[in-house]
Amino acid sequence: MLTGSLNLTVNTESQRAIWYILPLLPVFIIFFIGAVAETNRAPFDLAEASEDLASLKITNCWKILIKIISRKTSL
């Protein structure tokens, strides 16, 4: 911690000279990028997404085929 205290009053009073948002902005940007990367959302999951999209078509074709076969056998 920049103030060396967990007391909210001490933290507030120590920011009279310089707001802590200014020196800690690069740290927040790095934290935010890391947090977004952990969610496995775009643009960080593009390598995995291509495999999922390719397998999705095959999976859907198999599901349709199994439904057709199960309907014919149940008649």
PDB file of N, CA and C in Angstrom:
ATOM      1  N   MET A   1       0.850  -1.173   0.000  1.00  0.00           N
ATOM      2  CA  MET A   1       0.000   0.000   0.000  1.00  0.00           C
ATOM      3  C   MET A   1       0.896   1.237   0.000  1.00  0.00           C
ATOM      4  N   LEU A   2       0.415   2.260  -0.581  1.00  0.00           N
ATOM      5  CA  LEU A   2       1.213   3.479  -0.694  1.00  0.00           C
ATOM      6  C   LEU A   2       1.306   4.249   0.614  1.00  0.00           C
ATOM      7  N   THR A   3       0.290   4.161   1.446  1.00  0.00           N
ATOM      8  CA  THR A   3       0.310   4.922   2.700  1.00  0.00           C
ATOM      9  C   THR A   3       0.857   4.112   3.867  1.00  0.00           C
ATOM     10  N   GLY A   4       0.842   2.803   3.763  1.00  0.00           N
ATOM     11  CA  GLY A   4       1.292   1.958   4.863  1.00  0.00           C
ATOM     12  C   GLY A   4       0.231   1.780   5.922  1.00  0.00           C
ATOM     13  N   SER A   5      -1.021   2.076   5.587  1.00  0.00           N
ATOM     14  CA  SER A   5      -2.101   1.977   6.560  1.00  0.00           C
ATOM     15  C   SER A   5      -3.362   1.510   5.855  1.00  0.00           C
ATOM     16  N   LEU A   6      -4.228   0.852   6.614  1.00  0.00           N
ATOM     17  CA  LEU A   6      -5.532   0.473   6.087  1.00  0.00           C
ATOM     18  C   LEU A   6      -6.626   1.427   6.562  1.00  0.00           C
ATOM     19  N   ASN A   7      -6.236   2.443   7.291  1.00  0.00           N
ATOM     20  CA  ASN A   7      -7.187   3.418   7.797  1.00  0.00           C
ATOM     21  C   ASN A   7      -7.631   4.324   6.641  1.00  0.00           C
ATOM     22  N   LEU A   8      -8.930   4.441   6.432  1.00  0.00           N
ATOM     23  CA  LEU A   8      -9.464   5.227   5.327  1.00  0.00           C
ATOM     24  C   LEU A   8      -9.129   6.706   5.476  1.00  0.00           C
ATOM     25  N   THR A   9      -9.111   7.200   6.690  1.00  0.00           N
ATOM     26  CA  THR A   9      -8.782   8.609   6.915  1.00  0.00           C
ATOM     27  C   THR A   9      -7.330   8.896   6.546  1.00  0.00           C
ATOM     28  N   VAL A  10      -6.429   8.010   6.912  1.00  0.00           N
ATOM     29  CA  VAL A  10      -5.012   8.194   6.583  1.00  0.00           C
ATOM     30  C   VAL A  10      -4.813   8.121   5.072  1.00  0.00           C
ATOM     31  N   ASN A  11      -5.495   7.190   4.423  1.00  0.00           N
ATOM     32  CA  ASN A  11      -5.379   7.073   2.967  1.00  0.00           C
ATOM     33  C   ASN A  11      -5.901   8.319   2.262  1.00  0.00           C
ATOM     34  N   THR A  12      -6.980   8.863   2.736  1.00  0.00           N
ATOM     35  CA  THR A  12      -7.548  10.061   2.128  1.00  0.00           C
ATOM     36  C   THR A  12      -6.662  11.272   2.345  1.00  0.00           C
ATOM     37  N   GLU A  13      -6.165  11.421   3.547  1.00  0.00           N
ATOM     38  CA  GLU A  13      -5.315  12.574   3.858  1.00  0.00           C
ATOM     39  C   GLU A  13      -3.989  12.528   3.107  1.00  0.00           C
ATOM     40  N   SER A  14      -3.459  11.349   2.863  1.00  0.00           N
ATOM     41  CA  SER A  14      -2.169  11.257   2.182  1.00  0.00           C
ATOM     42  C   SER A  14      -2.271  11.577   0.688  1.00  0.00           C
ATOM     43  N   GLN A  15      -3.473  11.652   0.163  1.00  0.00           N
ATOM     44  CA  GLN A  15      -3.645  11.957  -1.251  1.00  0.00           C
ATOM     45  C   GLN A  15      -3.802  13.446  -1.519  1.00  0.00           C
ATOM     46  N   ARG A  16      -3.540  14.271  -0.546  1.00  0.00           N
ATOM     47  CA  ARG A  16      -3.634  15.721  -0.764  1.00  0.00           C
ATOM     48  C   ARG A  16      -2.543  16.206  -1.707  1.00  0.00           C
ATOM     49  N   ALA A  17      -1.363  15.646  -1.632  1.00  0.00           N
ATOM     50  CA  ALA A  17      -0.254  16.086  -2.485  1.00  0.00           C
ATOM     51  C   ALA A  17      -0.442  15.583  -3.916  1.00  0.00           C
ATOM     52  N   ILE A  18      -0.669  14.301  -4.085  1.00  0.00           N
ATOM     53  CA  ILE A  18      -0.880  13.709  -5.410  1.00  0.00           C
ATOM     54  C   ILE A  18      -1.910  12.593  -5.274  1.00  0.00           C
ATOM     55  N   TRP A  19      -2.858  12.582  -6.189  1.00  0.00           N
ATOM     56  CA  TRP A  19      -3.849  11.520  -6.177  1.00  0.00           C
ATOM     57  C   TRP A  19      -3.182  10.227  -6.594  1.00  0.00           C
ATOM     58  N   TYR A  20      -3.556   9.139  -5.942  1.00  0.00           N
ATOM     59  CA  TYR A  20      -2.926   7.847  -6.232  1.00  0.00           C
ATOM     60  C   TYR A  20      -3.384   7.264  -7.557  1.00  0.00           C
ATOM     61  N   ILE A  21      -4.417   7.814  -8.140  1.00  0.00           N
ATOM     62  CA  ILE A  21      -4.875   7.304  -9.432  1.00  0.00           C
ATOM     63  C   ILE A  21      -3.820   7.540 -10.510  1.00  0.00           C
ATOM     64  N   LEU A  22      -3.059   8.604 -10.394  1.00  0.00           N
ATOM     65  CA  LEU A  22      -2.057   8.922 -11.419  1.00  0.00           C
ATOM     66  C   LEU A  22      -0.893   7.933 -11.434  1.00  0.00           C
ATOM     67  N   PRO A  23      -0.218   7.668 -10.307  1.00  0.00           N
ATOM     68  CA  PRO A  23       0.877   6.704 -10.377  1.00  0.00           C
ATOM     69  C   PRO A  23       0.419   5.251 -10.528  1.00  0.00           C
ATOM     70  N   LEU A  24      -0.821   4.968 -10.156  1.00  0.00           N
ATOM     71  CA  LEU A  24      -1.300   3.589 -10.222  1.00  0.00           C
ATOM     72  C   LEU A  24      -2.067   3.279 -11.501  1.00  0.00           C
ATOM     73  N   LEU A  25      -2.184   4.211 -12.420  1.00  0.00           N
ATOM     74  CA  LEU A  25      -2.919   3.976 -13.667  1.00  0.00           C
ATOM     75  C   LEU A  25      -2.296   2.856 -14.504  1.00  0.00           C
ATOM     76  N   PRO A  26      -0.972   2.823 -14.696  1.00  0.00           N
ATOM     77  CA  PRO A  26      -0.410   1.691 -15.452  1.00  0.00           C
ATOM     78  C   PRO A  26      -0.663   0.332 -14.792  1.00  0.00           C
ATOM     79  N   VAL A  27      -0.667   0.296 -13.488  1.00  0.00           N
ATOM     80  CA  VAL A  27      -0.936  -0.953 -12.771  1.00  0.00           C
ATOM     81  C   VAL A  27      -2.376  -1.389 -13.004  1.00  0.00           C
ATOM     82  N   PHE A  28      -3.303  -0.444 -13.000  1.00  0.00           N
ATOM     83  CA  PHE A  28      -4.703  -0.780 -13.241  1.00  0.00           C
ATOM     84  C   PHE A  28      -4.904  -1.290 -14.669  1.00  0.00           C
ATOM     85  N   ILE A  29      -4.231  -0.692 -15.630  1.00  0.00           N
ATOM     86  CA  ILE A  29      -4.375  -1.135 -17.024  1.00  0.00           C
ATOM     87  C   ILE A  29      -3.876  -2.570 -17.178  1.00  0.00           C
ATOM     88  N   ILE A  30      -2.742  -2.883 -16.565  1.00  0.00           N
ATOM     89  CA  ILE A  30      -2.216  -4.248 -16.617  1.00  0.00           C
ATOM     90  C   ILE A  30      -3.175  -5.220 -15.926  1.00  0.00           C
ATOM     91  N   PHE A  31      -3.720  -4.821 -14.788  1.00  0.00           N
ATOM     92  CA  PHE A  31      -4.684  -5.659 -14.074  1.00  0.00           C
ATOM     93  C   PHE A  31      -5.930  -5.894 -14.915  1.00  0.00           C
ATOM     94  N   PHE A  32      -6.432  -4.845 -15.572  1.00  0.00           N
ATOM     95  CA  PHE A  32      -7.649  -4.964 -16.372  1.00  0.00           C
ATOM     96  C   PHE A  32      -7.426  -5.900 -17.566  1.00  0.00           C
ATOM     97  N   ILE A  33      -6.303  -5.786 -18.228  1.00  0.00           N
ATOM     98  CA  ILE A  33      -6.004  -6.670 -19.363  1.00  0.00           C
ATOM     99  C   ILE A  33      -5.906  -8.117 -18.889  1.00  0.00           C
ATOM    100  N   GLY A  34      -5.268  -8.335 -17.755  1.00  0.00           N
ATOM    101  CA  GLY A  34      -5.173  -9.685 -17.205  1.00  0.00           C
ATOM    102  C   GLY A  34      -6.524 -10.248 -16.808  1.00  0.00           C
ATOM    103  N   ALA A  35      -7.391  -9.407 -16.250  1.00  0.00           N
ATOM    104  CA  ALA A  35      -8.726  -9.861 -15.851  1.00  0.00           C
ATOM    105  C   ALA A  35      -9.562 -10.231 -17.069  1.00  0.00           C
ATOM    106  N   VAL A  36      -9.469  -9.461 -18.125  1.00  0.00           N
ATOM    107  CA  VAL A  36     -10.206  -9.774 -19.347  1.00  0.00           C
ATOM    108  C   VAL A  36      -9.657 -11.042 -19.988  1.00  0.00           C
ATOM    109  N   ALA A  37      -8.346 -11.230 -19.943  1.00  0.00           N
ATOM    110  CA  ALA A  37      -7.747 -12.430 -20.521  1.00  0.00           C
ATOM    111  C   ALA A  37      -8.177 -13.687 -19.767  1.00  0.00           C
ATOM    112  N   GLU A  38      -8.393 -13.592 -18.468  1.00  0.00           N
ATOM    113  CA  GLU A  38      -8.811 -14.747 -17.682  1.00  0.00           C
ATOM    114  C   GLU A  38     -10.232 -15.181 -17.988  1.00  0.00           C
ATOM    115  N   THR A  39     -11.055 -14.310 -18.527  1.00  0.00           N
ATOM    116  CA  THR A  39     -12.431 -14.679 -18.836  1.00  0.00           C
ATOM    117  C   THR A  39     -12.542 -15.488 -20.112  1.00  0.00           C
ATOM    118  N   ASN A  40     -11.408 -15.650 -20.828  1.00  0.00           N
ATOM    119  CA  ASN A  40     -11.371 -16.390 -22.092  1.00  0.00           C
ATOM    120  C   ASN A  40     -12.377 -15.849 -23.094  1.00  0.00           C
ATOM    121  N   ARG A  41     -12.443 -14.572 -23.197  1.00  0.00           N
ATOM    122  CA  ARG A  41     -13.317 -13.915 -24.165  1.00  0.00           C
ATOM    123  C   ARG A  41     -12.450 -13.240 -25.220  1.00  0.00           C
ATOM    124  N   ALA A  42     -13.089 -12.801 -26.281  1.00  0.00           N
ATOM    125  CA  ALA A  42     -12.360 -12.153 -27.380  1.00  0.00           C
ATOM    126  C   ALA A  42     -11.615 -10.946 -26.856  1.00  0.00           C
ATOM    127  N   PRO A  43     -10.466 -10.647 -27.334  1.00  0.00           N
ATOM    128  CA  PRO A  43      -9.682 -11.253 -28.417  1.00  0.00           C
ATOM    129  C   PRO A  43      -8.693 -12.296 -27.931  1.00  0.00           C
ATOM    130  N   PHE A  44      -8.808 -12.774 -26.708  1.00  0.00           N
ATOM    131  CA  PHE A  44      -7.798 -13.665 -26.148  1.00  0.00           C
ATOM    132  C   PHE A  44      -8.053 -15.136 -26.428  1.00  0.00           C
ATOM    133  N   ASP A  45      -9.217 -15.515 -26.922  1.00  0.00           N
ATOM    134  CA  ASP A  45      -9.524 -16.931 -27.129  1.00  0.00           C
ATOM    135  C   ASP A  45      -9.676 -17.287 -28.602  1.00  0.00           C
ATOM    136  N   LEU A  46      -9.066 -16.555 -29.488  1.00  0.00           N
ATOM    137  CA  LEU A  46      -9.260 -16.794 -30.909  1.00  0.00           C
ATOM    138  C   LEU A  46      -8.735 -18.161 -31.337  1.00  0.00           C
ATOM    139  N   ALA A  47      -7.664 -18.637 -30.758  1.00  0.00           N
ATOM    140  CA  ALA A  47      -7.137 -19.952 -31.134  1.00  0.00           C
ATOM    141  C   ALA A  47      -8.111 -21.058 -30.752  1.00  0.00           C
ATOM    142  N   GLU A  48      -8.729 -20.956 -29.604  1.00  0.00           N
ATOM    143  CA  GLU A  48      -9.688 -21.966 -29.175  1.00  0.00           C
ATOM    144  C   GLU A  48     -11.005 -21.841 -29.912  1.00  0.00           C
ATOM    145  N   ALA A  49     -11.392 -20.637 -30.263  1.00  0.00           N
ATOM    146  CA  ALA A  49     -12.681 -20.415 -30.902  1.00  0.00           C
ATOM    147  C   ALA A  49     -12.745 -21.060 -32.274  1.00  0.00           C
ATOM    148  N   SER A  50     -11.663 -21.064 -33.024  1.00  0.00           N
ATOM    149  CA  SER A  50     -11.705 -21.647 -34.362  1.00  0.00           C
ATOM    150  C   SER A  50     -11.966 -23.152 -34.286  1.00  0.00           C
ATOM    151  N   GLU A  51     -11.372 -23.824 -33.307  1.00  0.00           N
ATOM    152  CA  GLU A  51     -11.628 -25.255 -33.145  1.00  0.00           C
ATOM    153  C   GLU A  51     -13.068 -25.513 -32.731  1.00  0.00           C
ATOM    154  N   ASP A  52     -13.612 -24.692 -31.857  1.00  0.00           N
ATOM    155  CA  ASP A  52     -14.978 -24.874 -31.399  1.00  0.00           C
ATOM    156  C   ASP A  52     -15.974 -24.669 -32.527  1.00  0.00           C
ATOM    157  N   LEU A  53     -15.736 -23.662 -33.339  1.00  0.00           N
ATOM    158  CA  LEU A  53     -16.653 -23.400 -34.441  1.00  0.00           C
ATOM    159  C   LEU A  53     -16.613 -24.517 -35.472  1.00  0.00           C
ATOM    160  N   ALA A  54     -15.445 -25.080 -35.725  1.00  0.00           N
ATOM    161  CA  ALA A  54     -15.334 -26.177 -36.688  1.00  0.00           C
ATOM    162  C   ALA A  54     -16.025 -27.428 -36.155  1.00  0.00           C
ATOM    163  N   SER A  55     -15.863 -27.713 -34.887  1.00  0.00           N
ATOM    164  CA  SER A  55     -16.478 -28.910 -34.321  1.00  0.00           C
ATOM    165  C   SER A  55     -17.979 -28.735 -34.116  1.00  0.00           C
ATOM    166  N   LEU A  56     -18.438 -27.519 -34.024  1.00  0.00           N
ATOM    167  CA  LEU A  56     -19.867 -27.272 -33.830  1.00  0.00           C
ATOM    168  C   LEU A  56     -20.668 -27.755 -35.023  1.00  0.00           C
ATOM    169  N   LYS A  57     -20.171 -27.547 -36.231  1.00  0.00           N
ATOM    170  CA  LYS A  57     -20.880 -28.007 -37.423  1.00  0.00           C
ATOM    171  C   LYS A  57     -20.977 -29.522 -37.446  1.00  0.00           C
ATOM    172  N   ILE A  58     -19.893 -30.192 -37.092  1.00  0.00           N
ATOM    173  CA  ILE A  58     -19.899 -31.653 -37.084  1.00  0.00           C
ATOM    174  C   ILE A  58     -20.865 -32.172 -36.025  1.00  0.00           C
ATOM    175  N   THR A  59     -20.853 -31.542 -34.863  1.00  0.00           N
ATOM    176  CA  THR A  59     -21.742 -31.960 -33.776  1.00  0.00           C
ATOM    177  C   THR A  59     -23.199 -31.800 -34.167  1.00  0.00           C
ATOM    178  N   ASN A  60     -23.520 -30.688 -34.796  1.00  0.00           N
ATOM    179  CA  ASN A  60     -24.907 -30.460 -35.203  1.00  0.00           C
ATOM    180  C   ASN A  60     -25.339 -31.460 -36.266  1.00  0.00           C
ATOM    181  N   CYS A  61     -24.459 -31.805 -37.188  1.00  0.00           N
ATOM    182  CA  CYS A  61     -24.795 -32.799 -38.208  1.00  0.00           C
ATOM    183  C   CYS A  61     -25.080 -34.149 -37.562  1.00  0.00           C
ATOM    184  N   TRP A  62     -24.258 -34.534 -36.580  1.00  0.00           N
ATOM    185  CA  TRP A  62     -24.477 -35.807 -35.904  1.00  0.00           C
ATOM    186  C   TRP A  62     -25.783 -35.803 -35.124  1.00  0.00           C
ATOM    187  N   LYS A  63     -26.113 -34.688 -34.505  1.00  0.00           N
ATOM    188  CA  LYS A  63     -27.368 -34.610 -33.751  1.00  0.00           C
ATOM    189  C   LYS A  63     -28.563 -34.786 -34.673  1.00  0.00           C
ATOM    190  N   ILE A  64     -28.511 -34.143 -35.821  1.00  0.00           N
ATOM    191  CA  ILE A  64     -29.613 -34.261 -36.784  1.00  0.00           C
ATOM    192  C   ILE A  64     -29.721 -35.688 -37.288  1.00  0.00           C
ATOM    193  N   LEU A  65     -28.597 -36.311 -37.587  1.00  0.00           N
ATOM    194  CA  LEU A  65     -28.597 -37.690 -38.067  1.00  0.00           C
ATOM    195  C   LEU A  65     -29.160 -38.639 -37.016  1.00  0.00           C
ATOM    196  N   ILE A  66     -28.775 -38.456 -35.771  1.00  0.00           N
ATOM    197  CA  ILE A  66     -29.285 -39.324 -34.699  1.00  0.00           C
ATOM    198  C   ILE A  66     -30.778 -39.132 -34.510  1.00  0.00           C
ATOM    199  N   LYS A  67     -31.277 -37.911 -34.630  1.00  0.00           N
ATOM    200  CA  LYS A  67     -32.718 -37.667 -34.510  1.00  0.00           C
ATOM    201  C   LYS A  67     -33.489 -38.344 -35.638  1.00  0.00           C
ATOM    202  N   ILE A  68     -32.957 -38.282 -36.847  1.00  0.00           N
ATOM    203  CA  ILE A  68     -33.624 -38.905 -37.988  1.00  0.00           C
ATOM    204  C   ILE A  68     -33.673 -40.410 -37.797  1.00  0.00           C
ATOM    205  N   ILE A  69     -32.553 -40.999 -37.378  1.00  0.00           N
ATOM    206  CA  ILE A  69     -32.499 -42.454 -37.179  1.00  0.00           C
ATOM    207  C   ILE A  69     -33.429 -42.885 -36.048  1.00  0.00           C
ATOM    208  N   SER A  70     -33.458 -42.121 -34.968  1.00  0.00           N
ATOM    209  CA  SER A  70     -34.302 -42.506 -33.825  1.00  0.00           C
ATOM    210  C   SER A  70     -35.784 -42.386 -34.166  1.00  0.00           C
ATOM    211  N   ARG A  71     -36.165 -41.460 -35.011  1.00  0.00           N
ATOM    212  CA  ARG A  71     -37.564 -41.323 -35.405  1.00  0.00           C
ATOM    213  C   ARG A  71     -37.976 -42.483 -36.303  1.00  0.00           C
ATOM    214  N   LYS A  72     -37.081 -42.881 -37.213  1.00  0.00           N
ATOM    215  CA  LYS A  72     -37.409 -43.994 -38.113  1.00  0.00           C
ATOM    216  C   LYS A  72     -37.506 -45.307 -37.361  1.00  0.00           C
ATOM    217  N   THR A  73     -36.655 -45.500 -36.371  1.00  0.00           N
ATOM    218  CA  THR A  73     -36.696 -46.757 -35.616  1.00  0.00           C
ATOM    219  C   THR A  73     -37.875 -46.803 -34.650  1.00  0.00           C
ATOM    220  N   SER A  74     -38.359 -45.637 -34.221  1.00  0.00           N
ATOM    221  CA  SER A  74     -39.474 -45.632 -33.269  1.00  0.00           C
ATOM    222  C   SER A  74     -40.820 -45.823 -33.960  1.00  0.00           C
ATOM    223  N   LEU A  75     -40.870 -45.661 -35.266  1.00  0.00           N
ATOM    224  CA  LEU A  75     -42.117 -45.864 -36.007  1.00  0.00           C
ATOM    225  C   LEU A  75     -42.363 -47.330 -36.136  1.00  0.00           C
TER     226      LEU A  75
END
